[in-house]
PDB file of N, CA and C in Angstrom:
ATOM      1  N   MET A   1     146.481  97.576  99.819  1.00  0.00           N
ATOM      2  CA  MET A   1     145.722  97.389 101.026  1.00  0.00           C
ATOM      3  C   MET A   1     145.148  98.732 101.487  1.00  0.00           C
ATOM      4  N   LYS A   2     143.852  98.734 101.889  1.00  0.00           N
ATOM      5  CA  LYS A   2     143.200  99.978 102.305  1.00  0.00           C
ATOM      6  C   LYS A   2     143.544 100.284 103.758  1.00  0.00           C
ATOM      7  N   THR A   3     143.820 101.525 104.002  1.00  0.00           N
ATOM      8  CA  THR A   3     144.102 101.940 105.373  1.00  0.00           C
ATOM      9  C   THR A   3     142.898 102.623 106.010  1.00  0.00           C
ATOM     10  N   GLN A   4     141.948 103.100 105.203  1.00  0.00           N
ATOM     11  CA  GLN A   4     140.758 103.762 105.754  1.00  0.00           C
ATOM     12  C   GLN A   4     139.598 102.770 105.806  1.00  0.00           C
ATOM     13  N   PRO A   5     138.795 102.803 106.869  1.00  0.00           N
ATOM     14  CA  PRO A   5     137.620 101.921 106.932  1.00  0.00           C
ATOM     15  C   PRO A   5     136.529 102.408 105.975  1.00  0.00           C
ATOM     16  N   ARG A   6     135.624 101.521 105.690  1.00  0.00           N
ATOM     17  CA  ARG A   6     134.489 101.909 104.838  1.00  0.00           C
ATOM     18  C   ARG A   6     133.658 102.965 105.535  1.00  0.00           C
ATOM     19  N   GLN A   7     133.093 103.865 104.747  1.00  0.00           N
ATOM     20  CA  GLN A   7     132.271 104.924 105.316  1.00  0.00           C
ATOM     21  C   GLN A   7     130.883 104.860 104.699  1.00  0.00           C
ATOM     22  N   PHE A   8     129.916 105.244 105.494  1.00  0.00           N
ATOM     23  CA  PHE A   8     128.522 105.261 105.048  1.00  0.00           C
ATOM     24  C   PHE A   8     128.106 106.702 104.813  1.00  0.00           C
ATOM     25  N   SER A   9     127.580 106.973 103.636  1.00  0.00           N
ATOM     26  CA  SER A   9     127.086 108.318 103.362  1.00  0.00           C
ATOM     27  C   SER A   9     125.600 108.204 103.013  1.00  0.00           C
ATOM     28  N   PHE A  10     124.771 108.819 103.837  1.00  0.00           N
ATOM     29  CA  PHE A  10     123.321 108.770 103.657  1.00  0.00           C
ATOM     30  C   PHE A  10     122.875 109.978 102.852  1.00  0.00           C
ATOM     31  N   LYS A  11     122.186 109.728 101.754  1.00  0.00           N
ATOM     32  CA  LYS A  11     121.660 110.810 100.936  1.00  0.00           C
ATOM     33  C   LYS A  11     120.151 110.844 101.128  1.00  0.00           C
ATOM     34  N   SER A  12     119.679 111.877 101.739  1.00  0.00           N
ATOM     35  CA  SER A  12     118.263 111.996 102.051  1.00  0.00           C
ATOM     36  C   SER A  12     117.449 112.227 100.782  1.00  0.00           C
ATOM     37  N   ARG A  13     116.291 111.616 100.736  1.00  0.00           N
ATOM     38  CA  ARG A  13     115.368 111.841  99.620  1.00  0.00           C
ATOM     39  C   ARG A  13     114.597 113.138  99.810  1.00  0.00           C
ATOM     40  N   HIS A  14     114.592 113.639 101.011  1.00  0.00           N
ATOM     41  CA  HIS A  14     113.806 114.830 101.338  1.00  0.00           C
ATOM     42  C   HIS A  14     114.693 116.067 101.301  1.00  0.00           C
ATOM     43  N   ASN A  15     114.904 116.555 100.145  1.00  0.00           N
ATOM     44  CA  ASN A  15     115.653 117.805 100.023  1.00  0.00           C
ATOM     45  C   ASN A  15     114.694 118.913  99.618  1.00  0.00           C
ATOM     46  N   SER A  16     115.192 120.084  99.422  1.00  0.00           N
ATOM     47  CA  SER A  16     114.334 121.247  99.179  1.00  0.00           C
ATOM     48  C   SER A  16     113.519 121.107  97.891  1.00  0.00           C
ATOM     49  N   GLU A  17     114.055 120.496  96.848  1.00  0.00           N
ATOM     50  CA  GLU A  17     113.309 120.358  95.603  1.00  0.00           C
ATOM     51  C   GLU A  17     112.101 119.445  95.781  1.00  0.00           C
ATOM     52  N   VAL A  18     112.298 118.372  96.481  1.00  0.00           N
ATOM     53  CA  VAL A  18     111.195 117.436  96.703  1.00  0.00           C
ATOM     54  C   VAL A  18     110.156 118.069  97.611  1.00  0.00           C
ATOM     55  N   ARG A  19     110.579 118.818  98.606  1.00  0.00           N
ATOM     56  CA  ARG A  19     109.664 119.449  99.558  1.00  0.00           C
ATOM     57  C   ARG A  19     108.738 120.447  98.855  1.00  0.00           C
ATOM     58  N   GLU A  20     109.241 121.193  97.908  1.00  0.00           N
ATOM     59  CA  GLU A  20     108.397 122.143  97.181  1.00  0.00           C
ATOM     60  C   GLU A  20     107.326 121.411  96.387  1.00  0.00           C
ATOM     61  N   ASP A  21     107.709 120.334  95.747  1.00  0.00           N
ATOM     62  CA  ASP A  21     106.745 119.529  94.996  1.00  0.00           C
ATOM     63  C   ASP A  21     105.694 118.953  95.939  1.00  0.00           C
ATOM     64  N   TRP A  22     106.128 118.504  97.107  1.00  0.00           N
ATOM     65  CA  TRP A  22     105.212 117.918  98.097  1.00  0.00           C
ATOM     66  C   TRP A  22     104.214 118.961  98.579  1.00  0.00           C
ATOM     67  N   ASP A  23     104.665 120.149  98.869  1.00  0.00           N
ATOM     68  CA  ASP A  23     103.765 121.211  99.329  1.00  0.00           C
ATOM     69  C   ASP A  23     102.734 121.551  98.255  1.00  0.00           C
ATOM     70  N   GLU A  24     103.146 121.563  97.015  1.00  0.00           N
ATOM     71  CA  GLU A  24     102.229 121.871  95.911  1.00  0.00           C
ATOM     72  C   GLU A  24     101.157 120.785  95.788  1.00  0.00           C
ATOM     73  N   ARG A  25     101.568 119.530  95.846  1.00  0.00           N
ATOM     74  CA  ARG A  25     100.585 118.448  95.750  1.00  0.00           C
ATOM     75  C   ARG A  25      99.636 118.462  96.939  1.00  0.00           C
ATOM     76  N   LYS A  26     100.153 118.713  98.132  1.00  0.00           N
ATOM     77  CA  LYS A  26      99.325 118.776  99.330  1.00  0.00           C
ATOM     78  C   LYS A  26      98.287 119.890  99.216  1.00  0.00           C
ATOM     79  N   ARG A  27      98.689 121.040  98.720  1.00  0.00           N
ATOM     80  CA  ARG A  27      97.763 122.168  98.558  1.00  0.00           C
ATOM     81  C   ARG A  27      96.652 121.819  97.570  1.00  0.00           C
ATOM     82  N   ARG A  28      97.022 121.162  96.443  1.00  0.00           N
ATOM     83  CA  ARG A  28      96.005 120.786  95.454  1.00  0.00           C
ATOM     84  C   ARG A  28      95.014 119.784  96.018  1.00  0.00           C
ATOM     85  N   VAL A  29      95.495 118.834  96.830  1.00  0.00           N
ATOM     86  CA  VAL A  29      94.589 117.843  97.422  1.00  0.00           C
ATOM     87  C   VAL A  29      93.658 118.507  98.418  1.00  0.00           C
ATOM     88  N   GLU A  30      94.193 119.389  99.247  1.00  0.00           N
ATOM     89  CA  GLU A  30      93.366 120.062 100.249  1.00  0.00           C
ATOM     90  C   GLU A  30      92.295 120.945  99.613  1.00  0.00           C
ATOM     91  N   GLU A  31      92.579 121.522  98.481  1.00  0.00           N
ATOM     92  CA  GLU A  31      91.580 122.340  97.791  1.00  0.00           C
ATOM     93  C   GLU A  31      90.435 121.487  97.256  1.00  0.00           C
ATOM     94  N   GLY A  32      90.706 120.262  96.921  1.00  0.00           N
ATOM     95  CA  GLY A  32      89.685 119.395  96.351  1.00  0.00           C
ATOM     96  C   GLY A  32      88.828 118.685  97.378  1.00  0.00           C
ATOM     97  N   LEU A  33      89.184 118.744  98.671  1.00  0.00           N
ATOM     98  CA  LEU A  33      88.424 118.044  99.707  1.00  0.00           C
ATOM     99  C   LEU A  33      87.175 118.831 100.092  1.00  0.00           C
ATOM    100  N   PRO A  34      86.079 118.130 100.407  1.00  0.00           N
ATOM    101  CA  PRO A  34      84.887 118.835 100.892  1.00  0.00           C
ATOM    102  C   PRO A  34      85.129 119.363 102.307  1.00  0.00           C
ATOM    103  N   ARG A  35      84.438 120.435 102.637  1.00  0.00           N
ATOM    104  CA  ARG A  35      84.643 121.070 103.951  1.00  0.00           C
ATOM    105  C   ARG A  35      83.888 120.357 105.064  1.00  0.00           C
ATOM    106  N   THR A  36      82.748 119.768 104.758  1.00  0.00           N
ATOM    107  CA  THR A  36      81.967 119.078 105.790  1.00  0.00           C
ATOM    108  C   THR A  36      81.817 117.616 105.406  1.00  0.00           C
ATOM    109  N   ILE A  37      81.848 116.775 106.404  1.00  0.00           N
ATOM    110  CA  ILE A  37      81.677 115.336 106.191  1.00  0.00           C
ATOM    111  C   ILE A  37      80.468 114.898 107.005  1.00  0.00           C
ATOM    112  N   SER A  38      79.541 114.225 106.365  1.00  0.00           N
ATOM    113  CA  SER A  38      78.337 113.761 107.038  1.00  0.00           C
ATOM    114  C   SER A  38      78.459 112.270 107.319  1.00  0.00           C
ATOM    115  N   PHE A  39      78.273 111.902 108.585  1.00  0.00           N
ATOM    116  CA  PHE A  39      78.338 110.493 108.970  1.00  0.00           C
ATOM    117  C   PHE A  39      76.950 109.861 109.028  1.00  0.00           C
ATOM    118  N   ARG A  40      75.928 110.659 108.869  1.00  0.00           N
ATOM    119  CA  ARG A  40      74.562 110.159 108.967  1.00  0.00           C
ATOM    120  C   ARG A  40      74.274 109.106 107.897  1.00  0.00           C
ATOM    121  N   ASN A  41      74.677 109.367 106.663  1.00  0.00           N
ATOM    122  CA  ASN A  41      74.430 108.414 105.591  1.00  0.00           C
ATOM    123  C   ASN A  41      75.220 107.135 105.783  1.00  0.00           C
ATOM    124  N   ARG A  42      76.401 107.244 106.320  1.00  0.00           N
ATOM    125  CA  ARG A  42      77.218 106.064 106.529  1.00  0.00           C
ATOM    126  C   ARG A  42      76.599 105.140 107.561  1.00  0.00           C
ATOM    127  N   ARG A  43      76.007 105.702 108.604  1.00  0.00           N
ATOM    128  CA  ARG A  43      75.344 104.866 109.611  1.00  0.00           C
ATOM    129  C   ARG A  43      74.163 104.136 108.994  1.00  0.00           C
ATOM    130  N   GLY A  44      73.392 104.830 108.199  1.00  0.00           N
ATOM    131  CA  GLY A  44      72.250 104.207 107.538  1.00  0.00           C
ATOM    132  C   GLY A  44      72.693 103.109 106.592  1.00  0.00           C
ATOM    133  N   ASP A  45      73.773 103.361 105.883  1.00  0.00           N
ATOM    134  CA  ASP A  45      74.295 102.353 104.962  1.00  0.00           C
ATOM    135  C   ASP A  45      74.786 101.124 105.706  1.00  0.00           C
ATOM    136  N   SER A  46      75.428 101.321 106.858  1.00  0.00           N
ATOM    137  CA  SER A  46      75.938 100.170 107.601  1.00  0.00           C
ATOM    138  C   SER A  46      74.792  99.365 108.207  1.00  0.00           C
ATOM    139  N   LYS A  47      73.742 100.044 108.660  1.00  0.00           N
ATOM    140  CA  LYS A  47      72.583  99.314 109.182  1.00  0.00           C
ATOM    141  C   LYS A  47      71.905  98.525 108.071  1.00  0.00           C
ATOM    142  N   LYS A  48      71.816  99.131 106.904  1.00  0.00           N
ATOM    143  CA  LYS A  48      71.197  98.461 105.765  1.00  0.00           C
ATOM    144  C   LYS A  48      72.028  97.246 105.350  1.00  0.00           C
ATOM    145  N   ALA A  49      73.335  97.388 105.348  1.00  0.00           N
ATOM    146  CA  ALA A  49      74.218  96.277 104.994  1.00  0.00           C
ATOM    147  C   ALA A  49      74.122  95.157 106.032  1.00  0.00           C
ATOM    148  N   ALA A  50      74.037  95.519 107.310  1.00  0.00           N
ATOM    149  CA  ALA A  50      73.911  94.508 108.360  1.00  0.00           C
ATOM    150  C   ALA A  50      72.587  93.761 108.234  1.00  0.00           C
ATOM    151  N   ARG A  51      71.535  94.481 107.910  1.00  0.00           N
ATOM    152  CA  ARG A  51      70.224  93.846 107.732  1.00  0.00           C
ATOM    153  C   ARG A  51      70.252  92.869 106.553  1.00  0.00           C
ATOM    154  N   LYS A  52      70.876  93.286 105.450  1.00  0.00           N
ATOM    155  CA  LYS A  52      70.979  92.406 104.287  1.00  0.00           C
ATOM    156  C   LYS A  52      71.789  91.157 104.617  1.00  0.00           C
ATOM    157  N   ALA A  53      72.874  91.325 105.374  1.00  0.00           N
ATOM    158  CA  ALA A  53      73.705  90.182 105.754  1.00  0.00           C
ATOM    159  C   ALA A  53      72.924  89.223 106.644  1.00  0.00           C
ATOM    160  N   MET A  54      72.104  89.761 107.555  1.00  0.00           N
ATOM    161  CA  MET A  54      71.314  88.919 108.441  1.00  0.00           C
ATOM    162  C   MET A  54      70.265  88.138 107.641  1.00  0.00           C
ATOM    163  N   VAL A  55      69.606  88.776 106.693  1.00  0.00           N
ATOM    164  CA  VAL A  55      68.611  88.095 105.860  1.00  0.00           C
ATOM    165  C   VAL A  55      69.286  87.022 105.013  1.00  0.00           C
ATOM    166  N   ARG A  56      70.440  87.340 104.453  1.00  0.00           N
ATOM    167  CA  ARG A  56      71.181  86.377 103.639  1.00  0.00           C
ATOM    168  C   ARG A  56      71.582  85.161 104.479  1.00  0.00           C
ATOM    169  N   THR A  57      72.028  85.383 105.706  1.00  0.00           N
ATOM    170  CA  THR A  57      72.409  84.286 106.597  1.00  0.00           C
ATOM    171  C   THR A  57      71.199  83.425 106.933  1.00  0.00           C
ATOM    172  N   PHE A  58      70.059  84.056 107.200  1.00  0.00           N
ATOM    173  CA  PHE A  58      68.848  83.301 107.507  1.00  0.00           C
ATOM    174  C   PHE A  58      68.423  82.445 106.314  1.00  0.00           C
ATOM    175  N   ILE A  59      68.478  82.996 105.108  1.00  0.00           N
ATOM    176  CA  ILE A  59      68.084  82.246 103.913  1.00  0.00           C
ATOM    177  C   ILE A  59      69.021  81.058 103.690  1.00  0.00           C
ATOM    178  N   ILE A  60      70.317  81.274 103.842  1.00  0.00           N
ATOM    179  CA  ILE A  60      71.271  80.178 103.664  1.00  0.00           C
ATOM    180  C   ILE A  60      71.048  79.102 104.714  1.00  0.00           C
ATOM    181  N   GLY A  61      70.809  79.507 105.966  1.00  0.00           N
ATOM    182  CA  GLY A  61      70.537  78.536 107.036  1.00  0.00           C
ATOM    183  C   GLY A  61      69.283  77.737 106.754  1.00  0.00           C
ATOM    184  N   ALA A  62      68.216  78.403 106.325  1.00  0.00           N
ATOM    185  CA  ALA A  62      66.968  77.702 106.019  1.00  0.00           C
ATOM    186  C   ALA A  62      67.170  76.733 104.859  1.00  0.00           C
ATOM    187  N   LEU A  63      67.918  77.140 103.870  1.00  0.00           N
ATOM    188  CA  LEU A  63      68.198  76.276 102.730  1.00  0.00           C
ATOM    189  C   LEU A  63      68.991  75.032 103.158  1.00  0.00           C
ATOM    190  N   LEU A  64      69.979  75.219 104.025  1.00  0.00           N
ATOM    191  CA  LEU A  64      70.752  74.078 104.512  1.00  0.00           C
ATOM    192  C   LEU A  64      69.909  73.122 105.344  1.00  0.00           C
ATOM    193  N   VAL A  65      69.012  73.650 106.166  1.00  0.00           N
ATOM    194  CA  VAL A  65      68.115  72.793 106.951  1.00  0.00           C
ATOM    195  C   VAL A  65      67.199  72.011 106.023  1.00  0.00           C
ATOM    196  N   TYR A  66      66.668  72.650 104.990  1.00  0.00           N
ATOM    197  CA  TYR A  66      65.786  71.967 104.041  1.00  0.00           C
ATOM    198  C   TYR A  66      66.532  70.866 103.293  1.00  0.00           C
ATOM    199  N   VAL A  67      67.747  71.164 102.841  1.00  0.00           N
ATOM    200  CA  VAL A  67      68.537  70.164 102.118  1.00  0.00           C
ATOM    201  C   VAL A  67      68.847  68.979 103.031  1.00  0.00           C
ATOM    202  N   THR A  68      69.171  69.244 104.285  1.00  0.00           N
ATOM    203  CA  THR A  68      69.433  68.159 105.233  1.00  0.00           C
ATOM    204  C   THR A  68      68.183  67.316 105.439  1.00  0.00           C
ATOM    205  N   TYR A  69      67.033  67.958 105.580  1.00  0.00           N
ATOM    206  CA  TYR A  69      65.774  67.241 105.744  1.00  0.00           C
ATOM    207  C   TYR A  69      65.497  66.345 104.539  1.00  0.00           C
ATOM    208  N   ARG A  70      65.700  66.893 103.324  1.00  0.00           N
ATOM    209  CA  ARG A  70      65.469  66.103 102.113  1.00  0.00           C
ATOM    210  C   ARG A  70      66.450  64.932 102.013  1.00  0.00           C
ATOM    211  N   MET A  71      67.682  65.118 102.461  1.00  0.00           N
ATOM    212  CA  MET A  71      68.656  64.027 102.440  1.00  0.00           C
ATOM    213  C   MET A  71      68.258  62.915 103.403  1.00  0.00           C
ATOM    214  N   ILE A  72      67.739  63.292 104.562  1.00  0.00           N
ATOM    215  CA  ILE A  72      67.295  62.283 105.527  1.00  0.00           C
ATOM    216  C   ILE A  72      66.113  61.506 104.962  1.00  0.00           C
ATOM    217  N   ILE A  73      65.153  62.209 104.362  1.00  0.00           N
ATOM    218  CA  ILE A  73      64.003  61.540 103.751  1.00  0.00           C
ATOM    219  C   ILE A  73      64.473  60.608 102.644  1.00  0.00           C
ATOM    220  N   TRP A  74      65.417  61.044 101.815  1.00  0.00           N
ATOM    221  CA  TRP A  74      65.940  60.213 100.740  1.00  0.00           C
ATOM    222  C   TRP A  74      66.632  58.970 101.294  1.00  0.00           C
ATOM    223  N   ALA A  75      67.428  59.155 102.346  1.00  0.00           N
ATOM    224  CA  ALA A  75      68.159  58.027 102.922  1.00  0.00           C
ATOM    225  C   ALA A  75      67.203  56.992 103.506  1.00  0.00           C
ATOM    226  N   GLU A  76      66.096  57.442 104.082  1.00  0.00           N
ATOM    227  CA  GLU A  76      65.149  56.506 104.677  1.00  0.00           C
ATOM    228  C   GLU A  76      64.346  55.754 103.622  1.00  0.00           C
ATOM    229  N   THR A  77      64.133  56.337 102.470  1.00  0.00           N
ATOM    230  CA  THR A  77      63.312  55.681 101.452  1.00  0.00           C
ATOM    231  C   THR A  77      64.130  54.805 100.505  1.00  0.00           C
ATOM    232  N   THR A  78      65.444  54.874 100.545  1.00  0.00           N
ATOM    233  CA  THR A  78      66.267  54.031  99.682  1.00  0.00           C
ATOM    234  C   THR A  78      66.847  52.889 100.501  1.00  0.00           C
ATOM    235  N   GLU A  79      67.762  52.157  99.920  1.00  0.00           N
ATOM    236  CA  GLU A  79      68.362  51.024 100.613  1.00  0.00           C
ATOM    237  C   GLU A  79      69.158  51.448 101.833  1.00  0.00           C
ATOM    238  N   TRP A  80      69.503  52.735 101.904  1.00  0.00           N
ATOM    239  CA  TRP A  80      70.183  53.238 103.091  1.00  0.00           C
ATOM    240  C   TRP A  80      69.275  53.146 104.320  1.00  0.00           C
ATOM    241  N   GLY A  81      67.982  53.194 104.090  1.00  0.00           N
ATOM    242  CA  GLY A  81      67.039  53.121 105.209  1.00  0.00           C
ATOM    243  C   GLY A  81      67.162  51.821 105.970  1.00  0.00           C
ATOM    244  N   SER A  82      67.270  50.697 105.259  1.00  0.00           N
ATOM    245  CA  SER A  82      67.409  49.412 105.949  1.00  0.00           C
ATOM    246  C   SER A  82      68.738  49.345 106.700  1.00  0.00           C
ATOM    247  N   MET A  83      69.793  49.940 106.135  1.00  0.00           N
ATOM    248  CA  MET A  83      71.077  49.954 106.824  1.00  0.00           C
ATOM    249  C   MET A  83      71.016  50.819 108.072  1.00  0.00           C
ATOM    250  N   LEU A  84      70.334  51.958 107.979  1.00  0.00           N
ATOM    251  CA  LEU A  84      70.193  52.824 109.144  1.00  0.00           C
ATOM    252  C   LEU A  84      69.374  52.158 110.247  1.00  0.00           C
ATOM    253  N   GLU A  85      68.336  51.425 109.855  1.00  0.00           N
ATOM    254  CA  GLU A  85      67.545  50.695 110.859  1.00  0.00           C
ATOM    255  C   GLU A  85      68.385  49.613 111.508  1.00  0.00           C
ATOM    256  N   PHE A  86      69.216  48.901 110.723  1.00  0.00           N
ATOM    257  CA  PHE A  86      70.089  47.886 111.272  1.00  0.00           C
ATOM    258  C   PHE A  86      71.066  48.488 112.286  1.00  0.00           C
ATOM    259  N   ILE A  87      71.631  49.645 111.931  1.00  0.00           N
ATOM    260  CA  ILE A  87      72.566  50.325 112.850  1.00  0.00           C
ATOM    261  C   ILE A  87      71.844  50.776 114.099  1.00  0.00           C
ATOM    262  N   ARG A  88      70.626  51.286 113.952  1.00  0.00           N
ATOM    263  CA  ARG A  88      69.884  51.740 115.104  1.00  0.00           C
ATOM    264  C   ARG A  88      69.524  50.592 116.018  1.00  0.00           C
ATOM    265  N   ASP A  89      69.127  49.440 115.445  1.00  0.00           N
ATOM    266  CA  ASP A  89      68.733  48.285 116.252  1.00  0.00           C
ATOM    267  C   ASP A  89      69.929  47.601 116.907  1.00  0.00           C
ATOM    268  N   ASN A  90      71.040  47.552 116.225  1.00  0.00           N
ATOM    269  CA  ASN A  90      72.200  46.795 116.742  1.00  0.00           C
ATOM    270  C   ASN A  90      73.332  47.696 117.250  1.00  0.00           C
ATOM    271  N   GLY A  91      73.176  48.966 117.147  1.00  0.00           N
ATOM    272  CA  GLY A  91      74.261  49.865 117.517  1.00  0.00           C
ATOM    273  C   GLY A  91      74.211  50.250 118.920  1.00  0.00           C
TER     274      GLY A  91
END
């Protein structure tokens, strides 16, 4: 039978060996970064992307309206037309 309670021992991952490696990697990354960042191109790109999305939405909407129009014309010229007239007259 054990007389001592269980003990928790935490072993940190951040010891001196890991810290030296981390500092070296951080230094290499910082050397590779550009010193100036331009946001001007990003704004232009986002406006261009928004414009393309708006045109794409308009084209899809127009296509859906046209398809709906053609479906209505088709329904009126086939046997569905007489059924629709019956529903309209008696509904």
